[in-house]
């Protein structure tokens, strides 16, 4: 039994990047799907595929690397809000990752979005993770 599925999701991505895997398979949930879509839109992953053939389904994520230097697009994945200590921020105190070069993924009342979108819409929420 996994008590923190989002931390497991981020750890599987982090381990896949460190091991230089091309594809990572992760058990699916609606929050994980939303995070995956954001990572794809912001260019941190190459592609993704949702497979709902099982009871829970899986997410297949193709990791992105630089074609010449083989450096991964994802250099840092950090879980912020944990089950034991949730981190909520107001619209005025939204975090900036690497002075705007990275993204913070938030769960808001309007759905899962990046810190830049939340700043534009002027809404706060729970900070799920930092990506850079």
Protein backbone atom coordinates (compact mmCIF):
# COMPACT_ATOMS: atom_id res chain seq x y z
CA UNK A 1 0.00 0.00 0.00
CA UNK A 2 1.35 3.38 -1.01
CA UNK A 3 0.51 6.25 1.33
CA UNK A 4 1.68 9.03 -1.02
CA UNK A 5 0.97 8.22 -4.68
CA UNK A 6 2.26 11.59 -5.95
CA UNK A 7 5.62 11.09 -4.23
CA UNK A 8 5.74 7.63 -5.85
CA UNK A 9 4.96 9.20 -9.25
CA UNK A 10 7.75 11.76 -8.86
CA UNK A 11 10.20 9.12 -7.61
CA UNK A 12 9.51 6.86 -10.59
CA UNK A 13 10.15 9.78 -12.96
CA UNK A 14 13.33 10.76 -11.06
CA UNK A 15 14.62 7.17 -11.09
CA UNK A 16 13.82 6.80 -14.80
CA UNK A 17 15.77 9.96 -15.60
CA UNK A 18 18.76 8.89 -13.48
CA UNK A 19 18.80 5.44 -15.12
CA UNK A 20 18.48 7.05 -18.60
CA UNK A 21 15.31 5.11 -19.43
CA UNK A 22 13.32 6.08 -22.51
CA UNK A 23 9.86 5.15 -21.13
CA UNK A 24 8.52 4.97 -17.57
CA UNK A 25 5.27 3.21 -16.59
CA UNK A 26 3.32 4.62 -13.66
CA UNK A 27 -0.05 3.61 -12.13
CA UNK A 28 -2.72 6.11 -13.17
CA UNK A 29 -4.96 8.56 -11.32
CA UNK A 30 -6.69 11.77 -12.37
CA UNK A 31 -4.17 13.97 -10.50
CA UNK A 32 -1.22 12.12 -12.05
CA UNK A 33 -2.79 12.54 -15.51
CA UNK A 34 -3.14 16.29 -14.93
CA UNK A 35 0.49 16.59 -13.77
CA UNK A 36 1.63 14.57 -16.81
CA UNK A 37 -0.26 16.89 -19.17
CA UNK A 38 1.41 19.92 -17.58
CA UNK A 39 4.88 18.32 -17.87
CA UNK A 40 4.21 17.65 -21.57
CA UNK A 41 2.87 21.16 -22.26
CA UNK A 42 5.89 22.76 -20.60
CA UNK A 43 8.36 20.55 -22.51
CA UNK A 44 9.73 18.42 -19.65
CA UNK A 45 8.66 15.10 -21.22
CA UNK A 46 8.66 13.94 -24.83
CA UNK A 47 5.26 12.24 -24.95
CA UNK A 48 2.73 10.33 -22.84
CA UNK A 49 0.01 7.73 -23.26
CA UNK A 50 -2.86 6.89 -20.92
CA UNK A 51 -3.79 3.19 -20.93
CA UNK A 52 -7.06 2.39 -19.17
CA UNK A 53 -7.21 -1.34 -19.95
CA UNK A 54 -6.75 -2.50 -16.36
CA UNK A 55 -8.68 -1.70 -13.20
CA UNK A 56 -6.51 1.33 -12.42
CA UNK A 57 -4.77 1.90 -15.74
CA UNK A 58 -1.23 3.10 -16.40
CA UNK A 59 0.55 6.15 -17.73
CA UNK A 60 3.45 5.59 -20.12
CA UNK A 61 5.77 8.59 -20.17
CA UNK A 62 8.54 9.03 -22.77
CA UNK A 63 11.35 10.95 -21.07
CA UNK A 64 13.09 13.79 -22.88
CA UNK A 65 16.87 14.13 -23.29
CA UNK A 66 19.09 16.57 -25.21
CA UNK A 67 20.03 14.94 -28.56
CA UNK A 68 23.77 15.75 -28.34
CA UNK A 69 24.70 15.94 -24.66
CA UNK A 70 22.10 13.36 -23.47
CA UNK A 71 21.24 15.63 -20.53
CA UNK A 72 17.68 15.10 -19.23
CA UNK A 73 15.07 17.87 -19.55
CA UNK A 74 14.06 17.23 -15.93
CA UNK A 75 16.92 18.09 -13.58
CA UNK A 76 14.95 18.46 -10.34
CA UNK A 77 11.63 17.05 -9.10
CA UNK A 78 10.76 17.97 -5.54
CA UNK A 79 7.61 17.09 -3.60
CA UNK A 80 6.45 20.08 -1.54
CA UNK A 81 3.06 19.31 0.01
CA UNK A 82 3.13 15.97 1.81
CA UNK A 83 0.30 13.99 3.45
CA UNK A 84 1.69 14.82 6.91
CA UNK A 85 2.19 18.51 6.17
CA UNK A 86 0.19 20.20 3.45
CA UNK A 87 1.54 23.45 1.96
CA UNK A 88 -1.05 25.99 0.85
CA UNK A 89 -0.24 29.40 -0.59
CA UNK A 90 -2.32 32.46 -1.36
CA UNK A 91 -2.25 34.17 -4.75
CA UNK A 92 0.12 36.83 -3.39
CA UNK A 93 2.68 34.28 -2.12
CA UNK A 94 2.93 31.91 -5.10
CA UNK A 95 6.43 30.39 -5.30
CA UNK A 96 8.92 31.03 -8.11
CA UNK A 97 11.17 28.11 -9.04
CA UNK A 98 14.68 29.01 -10.23
CA UNK A 99 13.58 32.65 -10.55
CA UNK A 100 10.95 31.74 -13.15
CA UNK A 101 12.95 29.14 -15.13
CA UNK A 102 11.25 26.18 -13.42
CA UNK A 103 7.61 25.57 -12.57
CA UNK A 104 5.62 24.88 -9.44
CA UNK A 105 2.58 22.65 -9.96
CA UNK A 106 -0.44 23.61 -7.86
CA UNK A 107 -3.79 22.04 -7.15
CA UNK A 108 -6.34 24.85 -7.08
CA UNK A 109 -10.11 25.18 -7.00
CA UNK A 110 -9.92 25.67 -10.78
CA UNK A 111 -7.90 22.49 -11.36
CA UNK A 112 -4.23 21.55 -11.54
CA UNK A 113 -2.03 24.29 -13.02
CA UNK A 114 1.40 25.90 -12.94
CA UNK A 115 2.38 28.80 -10.72
CA UNK A 116 2.39 31.16 -13.72
CA UNK A 117 -1.21 30.31 -14.64
CA UNK A 118 -2.31 30.66 -11.00
CA UNK A 119 -0.57 34.05 -10.81
CA UNK A 120 -2.36 35.18 -13.99
CA UNK A 121 -5.76 34.00 -12.64
CA UNK A 122 -4.91 35.37 -9.17
CA UNK A 123 -5.75 32.18 -7.26
CA UNK A 124 -3.84 30.18 -4.65
CA UNK A 125 -3.87 26.52 -3.75
CA UNK A 126 -1.85 23.52 -2.61
CA UNK A 127 1.73 23.38 -3.93
CA UNK A 128 2.21 19.82 -5.17
CA UNK A 129 5.78 19.92 -6.49
CA UNK A 130 8.62 21.92 -8.04
CA UNK A 131 9.99 20.97 -11.47
CA UNK A 132 13.11 22.34 -13.13
